Protein backbone atom coordinates (compact mmCIF):
# COMPACT_ATOMS: atom_id res chain seq x y z
CA UNK A 1 -15.63 18.97 -86.96
CA UNK A 2 -13.20 16.65 -88.73
CA UNK A 3 -12.25 13.31 -87.25
CA UNK A 4 -8.68 14.59 -86.86
CA UNK A 5 -9.76 17.59 -84.73
CA UNK A 6 -12.34 15.74 -82.62
CA UNK A 7 -9.82 14.02 -80.26
CA UNK A 8 -8.11 17.37 -79.64
CA UNK A 9 -11.41 19.02 -78.77
CA UNK A 10 -12.30 16.20 -76.42
CA UNK A 11 -8.90 16.48 -74.74
CA UNK A 12 -9.26 20.24 -74.30
CA UNK A 13 -12.74 19.81 -72.84
CA UNK A 14 -11.47 17.21 -70.41
CA UNK A 15 -8.66 19.51 -69.34
CA UNK A 16 -11.09 22.38 -68.77
CA UNK A 17 -13.34 20.17 -66.65
CA UNK A 18 -10.39 18.95 -64.62
CA UNK A 19 -9.28 22.45 -63.63
CA UNK A 20 -10.93 23.98 -60.54
CA UNK A 21 -13.71 26.32 -61.59
CA UNK A 22 -12.32 28.93 -59.21
CA UNK A 23 -9.13 29.12 -61.26
CA UNK A 24 -11.08 31.02 -63.91
CA UNK A 25 -12.34 33.60 -61.45
CA UNK A 26 -10.85 37.05 -61.94
CA UNK A 27 -11.39 39.87 -59.49
CA UNK A 28 -10.76 43.53 -60.30
CA UNK A 29 -9.97 45.52 -57.11
CA UNK A 30 -11.24 49.03 -56.66
CA UNK A 31 -7.80 50.50 -57.34
CA UNK A 32 -7.89 49.19 -60.91
CA UNK A 33 -11.23 50.91 -61.52
CA UNK A 34 -10.26 54.28 -60.06
CA UNK A 35 -8.58 55.80 -63.11
CA UNK A 36 -11.37 54.76 -65.48
CA UNK A 37 -15.03 54.67 -64.57
CA UNK A 38 -14.46 56.25 -61.12
CA UNK A 39 -11.96 58.93 -62.12
CA UNK A 40 -14.46 61.68 -61.28
CA UNK A 41 -13.87 60.93 -57.58
CA UNK A 42 -10.33 62.28 -57.78
CA UNK A 43 -10.31 64.51 -60.86
CA UNK A 44 -9.26 68.03 -59.96
CA UNK A 45 -8.74 67.08 -56.31
CA UNK A 46 -5.86 67.43 -53.88
CA UNK A 47 -5.27 63.94 -52.50
CA UNK A 48 -3.92 62.11 -49.49
CA UNK A 49 -3.21 58.38 -49.83
CA UNK A 50 -3.44 55.87 -46.98
CA UNK A 51 -1.75 52.70 -48.18
CA UNK A 52 0.91 50.08 -47.69
CA UNK A 53 2.81 47.64 -49.90
CA UNK A 54 -0.46 45.97 -50.97
CA UNK A 55 -1.71 49.05 -52.85
CA UNK A 56 -0.72 47.83 -56.30
CA UNK A 57 -2.44 48.06 -59.65
CA UNK A 58 -2.76 45.05 -61.92
CA UNK A 59 0.47 45.94 -63.71
CA UNK A 60 2.38 46.10 -60.41
CA UNK A 61 2.51 49.90 -60.18
CA UNK A 62 2.19 51.20 -56.65
CA UNK A 63 -0.84 53.43 -56.27
CA UNK A 64 1.31 56.23 -54.85
CA UNK A 65 3.26 56.38 -58.11
CA UNK A 66 0.12 56.13 -60.26
CA UNK A 67 -1.58 58.96 -58.38
CA UNK A 68 1.58 61.07 -58.39
CA UNK A 69 1.79 60.80 -62.19
CA UNK A 70 -1.93 61.27 -62.77
CA UNK A 71 -2.31 64.64 -64.53
CA UNK A 72 -5.85 65.41 -63.35
CA UNK A 73 -5.22 65.32 -59.58
CA UNK A 74 -2.54 66.39 -57.11
CA UNK A 75 -1.21 63.86 -54.62
CA UNK A 76 -0.08 65.88 -51.60
CA UNK A 77 0.71 63.49 -48.73
CA UNK A 78 1.14 59.77 -47.95
CA UNK A 79 0.17 57.78 -44.86
CA UNK A 80 1.68 54.37 -44.25
CA UNK A 81 1.55 51.67 -41.64
CA UNK A 82 4.28 50.01 -39.59
CA UNK A 83 7.12 50.64 -42.02
CA UNK A 84 6.07 52.80 -44.94
CA UNK A 85 3.69 52.80 -47.87
CA UNK A 86 5.89 50.48 -49.94
CA UNK A 87 7.37 47.80 -47.66
CA UNK A 88 6.46 45.46 -44.83
CA UNK A 89 9.89 43.95 -44.31
CA UNK A 90 10.65 43.58 -40.60
CA UNK A 91 14.38 43.45 -41.36
CA UNK A 92 14.34 46.94 -42.90
CA UNK A 93 14.97 49.97 -40.73
CA UNK A 94 11.76 51.69 -39.78
CA UNK A 95 11.16 55.18 -41.07
CA UNK A 96 10.62 57.98 -38.59
CA UNK A 97 6.95 58.64 -37.97
CA UNK A 98 7.16 61.56 -40.39
CA UNK A 99 9.58 61.64 -43.30
CA UNK A 100 9.70 61.92 -47.11
CA UNK A 101 8.89 59.31 -49.73
CA UNK A 102 11.95 59.13 -51.96
CA UNK A 103 10.11 58.11 -55.12
CA UNK A 104 7.64 61.00 -55.08
CA UNK A 105 9.31 63.55 -52.82
CA UNK A 106 6.07 63.81 -50.83
CA UNK A 107 5.75 63.89 -47.04
CA UNK A 108 4.69 60.60 -45.49
CA UNK A 109 3.51 59.77 -42.00
CA UNK A 110 3.08 56.51 -40.10
CA UNK A 111 -0.29 55.74 -38.52
CA UNK A 112 1.03 52.65 -36.75
CA UNK A 113 2.96 54.08 -33.80
CA UNK A 114 1.65 56.40 -31.11
CA UNK A 115 -0.54 58.31 -33.56
CA UNK A 116 -3.22 56.50 -35.60
CA UNK A 117 -5.24 59.53 -36.66
CA UNK A 118 -4.00 62.13 -39.16
CA UNK A 119 -3.76 65.61 -37.70
CA UNK A 120 -5.31 68.72 -39.30
CA UNK A 121 -1.83 69.94 -40.20
CA UNK A 122 -1.04 66.69 -42.02
CA UNK A 123 -4.27 67.01 -44.02
CA UNK A 124 -3.85 70.69 -44.82
CA UNK A 125 -4.90 71.44 -48.43
CA UNK A 126 -6.36 67.93 -48.91
CA UNK A 127 -9.78 67.48 -50.51
CA UNK A 128 -9.94 63.67 -50.68
CA UNK A 129 -8.32 60.83 -48.74
CA UNK A 130 -7.84 57.67 -50.83
CA UNK A 131 -7.64 54.48 -48.72
CA UNK A 132 -6.23 51.29 -50.27
CA UNK A 133 -5.01 48.47 -48.00
CA UNK A 134 -5.42 44.70 -48.21
CA UNK A 135 -6.82 43.49 -44.89
CA UNK A 136 -7.11 39.92 -43.58
CA UNK A 137 -10.65 39.42 -42.24
CA UNK A 138 -9.86 39.80 -38.52
CA UNK A 139 -10.84 42.72 -36.28
CA UNK A 140 -7.49 42.83 -34.46
CA UNK A 141 -5.60 43.32 -37.73
CA UNK A 142 -4.75 46.97 -37.24
CA UNK A 143 -5.58 48.28 -40.70
CA UNK A 144 -9.38 48.03 -40.42
CA UNK A 145 -9.08 50.02 -37.21
CA UNK A 146 -6.85 52.66 -38.82
CA UNK A 147 -9.67 53.01 -41.35
CA UNK A 148 -11.88 54.19 -38.50
CA UNK A 149 -9.32 56.75 -37.29
CA UNK A 150 -8.85 58.06 -40.85
CA UNK A 151 -12.59 58.37 -41.43
CA UNK A 152 -12.92 60.11 -38.07
CA UNK A 153 -10.30 62.70 -39.02
CA UNK A 154 -11.96 63.21 -42.41
CA UNK A 155 -15.38 63.72 -40.83
CA UNK A 156 -13.99 66.31 -38.43
CA UNK A 157 -12.23 68.24 -41.17
CA UNK A 158 -14.80 68.01 -43.95
CA UNK A 159 -12.62 65.86 -46.20
CA UNK A 160 -14.06 63.19 -48.48
CA UNK A 161 -12.89 59.55 -48.18
CA UNK A 162 -12.59 57.19 -51.16
CA UNK A 163 -12.09 53.55 -50.16
CA UNK A 164 -10.75 51.29 -52.89
CA UNK A 165 -12.14 47.88 -52.07
CA UNK A 166 -10.13 44.67 -51.99
CA UNK A 167 -11.10 41.05 -51.20
CA UNK A 168 -11.57 39.67 -47.75
CA UNK A 169 -8.98 36.91 -48.30
CA UNK A 170 -10.83 34.33 -46.18
CA UNK A 171 -14.18 35.02 -47.86
CA UNK A 172 -17.21 36.90 -46.65
CA UNK A 173 -19.43 34.20 -45.22
CA UNK A 174 -18.02 33.48 -41.77
CA UNK A 175 -18.73 35.78 -38.81
CA UNK A 176 -17.43 34.65 -35.42
CA UNK A 177 -16.10 35.69 -32.03
CA UNK A 178 -17.08 38.14 -29.33
CA UNK A 179 -18.10 41.63 -30.43
CA UNK A 180 -15.94 44.42 -29.01
CA UNK A 181 -16.97 45.52 -25.53
CA UNK A 182 -18.07 49.15 -25.24
CA UNK A 183 -15.11 49.87 -22.96
CA UNK A 184 -12.68 48.73 -25.69
CA UNK A 185 -13.91 50.93 -28.55
CA UNK A 186 -11.83 53.45 -30.53
CA UNK A 187 -8.61 51.56 -30.00
CA UNK A 188 -5.89 50.22 -32.28
CA UNK A 189 -7.22 46.65 -32.36
CA UNK A 190 -10.91 47.37 -31.83
CA UNK A 191 -12.12 50.67 -33.23
CA UNK A 192 -15.75 49.62 -33.69
CA UNK A 193 -18.19 47.03 -32.26
CA UNK A 194 -17.56 44.16 -34.65
CA UNK A 195 -16.79 40.46 -34.09
CA UNK A 196 -13.26 39.10 -34.36
CA UNK A 197 -14.12 37.48 -37.71
CA UNK A 198 -16.20 40.20 -39.32
CA UNK A 199 -16.91 38.68 -42.77
CA UNK A 200 -16.78 42.04 -44.55
CA UNK A 201 -14.51 43.81 -47.00
CA UNK A 202 -12.79 47.06 -46.08
CA UNK A 203 -15.25 48.95 -48.27
CA UNK A 204 -18.21 47.33 -46.55
CA UNK A 205 -16.72 48.10 -43.15
CA UNK A 206 -16.34 51.76 -44.15
CA UNK A 207 -20.02 51.86 -45.13
CA UNK A 208 -20.94 50.16 -41.84
CA UNK A 209 -18.87 52.56 -39.73
CA UNK A 210 -20.47 55.50 -41.50
CA UNK A 211 -24.06 54.32 -41.78
CA UNK A 212 -24.28 53.22 -38.15
CA UNK A 213 -22.57 56.41 -36.91
CA UNK A 214 -19.79 54.35 -35.29
CA UNK A 215 -17.07 56.96 -35.71
CA UNK A 216 -16.09 58.65 -32.48
CA UNK A 217 -18.46 61.49 -31.73
CA UNK A 218 -21.22 59.90 -33.86
CA UNK A 219 -20.02 61.69 -36.97
CA UNK A 220 -20.21 60.47 -40.55
CA UNK A 221 -17.63 61.09 -43.25
CA UNK A 222 -18.40 61.96 -46.85
CA UNK A 223 -17.69 58.50 -48.28
CA UNK A 224 -17.34 56.80 -51.64
CA UNK A 225 -16.44 53.12 -52.04
CA UNK A 226 -15.05 51.92 -55.36
CA UNK A 227 -16.27 48.32 -55.40
CA UNK A 228 -14.52 45.31 -56.81
CA UNK A 229 -15.72 43.54 -59.88
CA UNK A 230 -15.98 39.75 -59.83
CA UNK A 231 -15.74 39.06 -56.09
CA UNK A 232 -18.38 37.08 -54.19
CA UNK A 233 -18.64 36.18 -50.53
CA UNK A 234 -17.66 32.61 -51.33
CA UNK A 235 -14.40 33.66 -53.02
CA UNK A 236 -11.10 32.81 -51.32
CA UNK A 237 -8.06 34.90 -52.15
CA UNK A 238 -6.41 32.16 -54.19
CA UNK A 239 -9.53 32.12 -56.39
CA UNK A 240 -9.31 35.81 -57.31
CA UNK A 241 -6.53 35.66 -59.89
CA UNK A 242 -4.66 38.32 -57.87
CA UNK A 243 -1.03 37.99 -56.85
CA UNK A 244 -0.37 37.05 -53.23
CA UNK A 245 1.39 39.85 -51.38
CA UNK A 246 1.96 38.97 -47.76
CA UNK A 247 -0.28 41.29 -45.72
CA UNK A 248 2.44 41.21 -43.06
CA UNK A 249 5.83 39.50 -43.10
CA UNK A 250 4.83 36.34 -41.20
CA UNK A 251 1.68 35.70 -43.21
CA UNK A 252 3.58 33.74 -45.82
CA UNK A 253 0.62 32.04 -47.44
CA UNK A 254 -3.16 32.04 -47.40
CA UNK A 255 -2.91 28.97 -45.16
CA UNK A 256 -0.85 30.83 -42.56
CA UNK A 257 -3.27 33.76 -42.73
CA UNK A 258 -6.26 31.49 -42.16
CA UNK A 259 -4.59 29.92 -39.12
CA UNK A 260 -3.52 33.37 -37.87
CA UNK A 261 -7.13 34.43 -37.44
CA UNK A 262 -7.28 31.95 -34.54
CA UNK A 263 -3.77 31.26 -33.34
CA UNK A 264 -2.80 34.93 -33.16
CA UNK A 265 -4.23 34.56 -29.64
CA UNK A 266 -0.96 32.87 -28.68
CA UNK A 267 0.82 36.21 -29.08
CA UNK A 268 -0.64 36.94 -25.65
CA UNK A 269 0.82 33.77 -24.10
CA UNK A 270 4.29 32.37 -23.40
CA UNK A 271 3.81 29.96 -26.31
CA UNK A 272 5.35 30.22 -29.78
CA UNK A 273 2.83 30.83 -32.55
CA UNK A 274 5.20 29.34 -35.12
CA UNK A 275 7.01 32.50 -36.18
CA UNK A 276 10.45 31.55 -37.41
CA UNK A 277 9.21 28.38 -39.15
CA UNK A 278 7.87 27.71 -42.63
CA UNK A 279 4.38 27.38 -41.10
CA UNK A 280 3.84 30.46 -38.93
CA UNK A 281 0.54 30.33 -37.04
CA UNK A 282 -0.07 26.77 -38.23
CA UNK A 283 2.31 25.62 -35.47
CA UNK A 284 2.10 26.54 -31.80
CA UNK A 285 4.38 25.13 -29.15
CA UNK A 286 6.48 25.42 -26.01
CA UNK A 287 9.28 23.31 -24.46
CA UNK A 288 6.92 22.10 -21.72
CA UNK A 289 3.83 21.39 -23.83
CA UNK A 290 2.44 17.84 -23.78
CA UNK A 291 1.74 17.92 -27.50
CA UNK A 292 0.29 14.42 -27.77
CA UNK A 293 -2.31 15.00 -25.05
CA UNK A 294 -3.13 18.46 -26.39
CA UNK A 295 -3.72 17.15 -29.91
CA UNK A 296 -5.88 14.35 -28.54
CA UNK A 297 -7.97 16.79 -26.49
CA UNK A 298 -8.49 18.98 -29.53
CA UNK A 299 -9.35 16.15 -31.90
CA UNK A 300 -11.91 14.88 -29.38
CA UNK A 301 -13.77 18.18 -29.86
CA UNK A 302 -14.43 17.20 -33.49
CA UNK A 303 -14.20 20.76 -34.77
CA UNK A 304 -15.21 20.83 -38.45
CA UNK A 305 -12.61 21.09 -41.19
CA UNK A 306 -9.50 20.69 -39.04
CA UNK A 307 -7.26 18.12 -37.40
CA UNK A 308 -4.51 18.58 -34.83
CA UNK A 309 -1.22 16.71 -34.86
CA UNK A 310 1.79 16.69 -32.53
CA UNK A 311 4.84 18.33 -34.06
CA UNK A 312 8.35 19.30 -33.00
CA UNK A 313 9.87 22.52 -34.35
CA UNK A 314 12.62 25.03 -33.70
CA UNK A 315 11.91 28.72 -34.43
CA UNK A 316 14.76 30.38 -36.30
CA UNK A 317 15.64 33.90 -37.38
CA UNK A 318 14.29 34.51 -40.88
CA UNK A 319 15.47 37.13 -43.38
CA UNK A 320 12.27 39.15 -42.95
CA UNK A 321 12.46 39.23 -39.13
CA UNK A 322 13.65 42.35 -37.39
CA UNK A 323 14.38 40.45 -34.18
CA UNK A 324 14.50 36.77 -33.23
CA UNK A 325 11.07 35.15 -32.87
CA UNK A 326 9.65 33.87 -29.61
CA UNK A 327 11.70 30.95 -28.19
CA UNK A 328 14.17 31.14 -31.10
CA UNK A 329 16.67 28.28 -31.16
CA UNK A 330 14.71 26.11 -28.72
CA UNK A 331 13.31 22.73 -29.66
CA UNK A 332 9.57 23.02 -29.03
CA UNK A 333 6.85 20.46 -28.59
CA UNK A 334 3.88 21.69 -30.49
CA UNK A 335 0.56 21.30 -32.21
CA UNK A 336 0.12 21.48 -35.97
CA UNK A 337 -3.24 22.94 -36.95
CA UNK A 338 -4.01 21.20 -40.23
CA UNK A 339 -7.01 22.49 -42.19
CA UNK A 340 -8.81 19.66 -44.00
CA UNK A 341 -11.82 21.60 -45.32
CA UNK A 342 -11.43 25.36 -45.34
CA UNK A 343 -15.09 25.98 -46.15
CA UNK A 344 -16.13 24.18 -42.97
CA UNK A 345 -13.20 25.36 -40.83
CA UNK A 346 -13.78 28.08 -38.20
CA UNK A 347 -10.32 29.54 -37.49
CA UNK A 348 -11.15 31.61 -34.44
CA UNK A 349 -12.91 28.71 -32.76
CA UNK A 350 -9.87 26.55 -33.42
CA UNK A 351 -7.61 29.18 -31.84
CA UNK A 352 -9.82 29.47 -28.77
CA UNK A 353 -9.94 25.68 -28.46
CA UNK A 354 -6.15 25.49 -28.64
CA UNK A 355 -5.76 28.05 -25.85
CA UNK A 356 -8.32 26.08 -23.82
CA UNK A 357 -6.39 22.83 -24.35
CA UNK A 358 -3.02 24.29 -23.36
CA UNK A 359 -4.54 25.89 -20.28
CA UNK A 360 -6.31 22.69 -19.28
CA UNK A 361 -3.07 20.71 -19.44
CA UNK A 362 -0.65 23.34 -18.12
CA UNK A 363 -2.45 26.03 -16.11
CA UNK A 364 0.61 26.53 -13.92
CA UNK A 365 2.94 27.01 -16.89
CA UNK A 366 0.80 29.38 -18.93
CA UNK A 367 1.60 33.09 -18.61
CA UNK A 368 -0.92 35.62 -19.90
CA UNK A 369 0.08 39.02 -21.28
CA UNK A 370 -3.15 40.83 -20.49
CA UNK A 371 -2.28 43.97 -22.46
CA UNK A 372 -1.75 41.99 -25.66
CA UNK A 373 -4.76 39.78 -24.98
CA UNK A 374 -6.94 42.85 -24.50
CA UNK A 375 -5.86 44.19 -27.90
CA UNK A 376 -6.63 40.88 -29.58
CA UNK A 377 -9.87 40.02 -27.80
CA UNK A 378 -11.32 43.43 -26.75
CA UNK A 379 -13.24 41.79 -23.89
CA UNK A 380 -12.30 40.06 -20.63
CA UNK A 381 -14.92 37.39 -21.24
CA UNK A 382 -12.74 34.94 -23.13
CA UNK A 383 -10.00 34.67 -20.51
CA UNK A 384 -12.57 34.56 -17.69
CA UNK A 385 -14.38 31.64 -19.28
CA UNK A 386 -11.17 29.69 -19.90
CA UNK A 387 -9.98 30.25 -16.32
CA UNK A 388 -13.41 29.19 -15.06
CA UNK A 389 -13.06 25.86 -16.84
CA UNK A 390 -15.72 26.45 -19.48
CA UNK A 391 -15.51 24.11 -22.45
CA UNK A 392 -15.03 25.47 -25.99
CA UNK A 393 -18.64 24.77 -26.98
CA UNK A 394 -19.81 26.92 -24.06
CA UNK A 395 -17.50 29.73 -25.10
CA UNK A 396 -18.69 29.57 -28.71
CA UNK A 397 -22.33 29.68 -27.56
CA UNK A 398 -21.63 32.79 -25.48
CA UNK A 399 -21.07 34.96 -28.56
CA UNK A 400 -23.82 33.50 -30.76
CA UNK A 401 -26.42 36.16 -29.96
CA UNK A 402 -24.16 39.13 -30.53
CA UNK A 403 -22.88 37.66 -33.80
CA UNK A 404 -26.47 37.20 -34.99
CA UNK A 405 -27.22 40.80 -34.05
CA UNK A 406 -24.13 42.00 -35.91
CA UNK A 407 -25.13 40.09 -39.05
CA UNK A 408 -28.51 41.80 -39.03
CA UNK A 409 -27.04 45.22 -38.32
CA UNK A 410 -24.33 44.99 -40.99
CA UNK A 411 -26.48 43.44 -43.76
CA UNK A 412 -27.60 46.76 -45.32
CA UNK A 413 -23.98 47.74 -45.96
CA UNK A 414 -22.89 44.63 -47.87
CA UNK A 415 -21.86 45.18 -51.50
CA UNK A 416 -21.45 41.59 -52.68
CA UNK A 417 -23.52 38.43 -52.68
């Protein structure tokens, strides 16, 4: 190496060392492997696709369009979520539960409303159901539960399921929260007995549902999972090299998603969870909240990887909202959940602790929506312990045994280290 080139090489080496090692990580989702090494799973088949706006290939093509153009298979029908297979914009008019996809001319059905399970008529002349949805790592996020309903329908009708795996955006190490009570199974927010923070990918969950005979009726579907390449359990979404597509309209960033895993609990209370701000789910508040005392109570718990700060905010209508957010236009006194170390942070514990703090300070002001809470928690134990005055550490200890049992039960179905 010449003397003239040596300083340049040193500078380039220094730059490489300064960049986070995770920036070099590149993950290939299952969808981008389907048309190559896994094409035999769909070749010559009549297909249904269960997807939403997240089902994109590396070049940005929606999977519905790629499958529709694929000459070696026939895409017959589409199944979407709350809006359709292409959009999650709350400001857009919702499609009817059954309509036609304009781009492909194919029938499409919503699995988000009253019906979560495809009917035999909808799946007529279908050989394979392809499932491709980015989930968020939380049991109450509806899409991992729709997976169960779809697999159930496939098992009943002798149809094969191909799950195209995508990252768990908050990584695959943490497992936390109460496991679904038996009385809450096979529902929209709690199809199977898993903890709130399940630590699995959608492909791993499909294997778990199947292998443990957790589908309703104890059936198993004919299942193939197209795994990712390059993902590990320690990988956060912003380390994958993949574009961020909001899983739902209010999950603006990975930070808001991480907070959501815990503070989504406030959807069941008369407290704003920060929708209508630039930090949804990182802020919670109400006009009557003693924010300073609440933050102090929470910081005294010394939860790892997080601090709590008083904040004032006013929820406003945003372009992606279909209706005004909770307490829109009111000046709220709130708590800012600020993550300081995401690898140490336990989001669901933080959310539970925040509910505990608000209840401890304002039991007479707090209003519980039990129907929503039941969907989010899938057990009466959390509310009962808070009302009984149990401290957060006691609540966390109450689910330790069932989480340990879930880890052992789910281990054989993990695909990644």
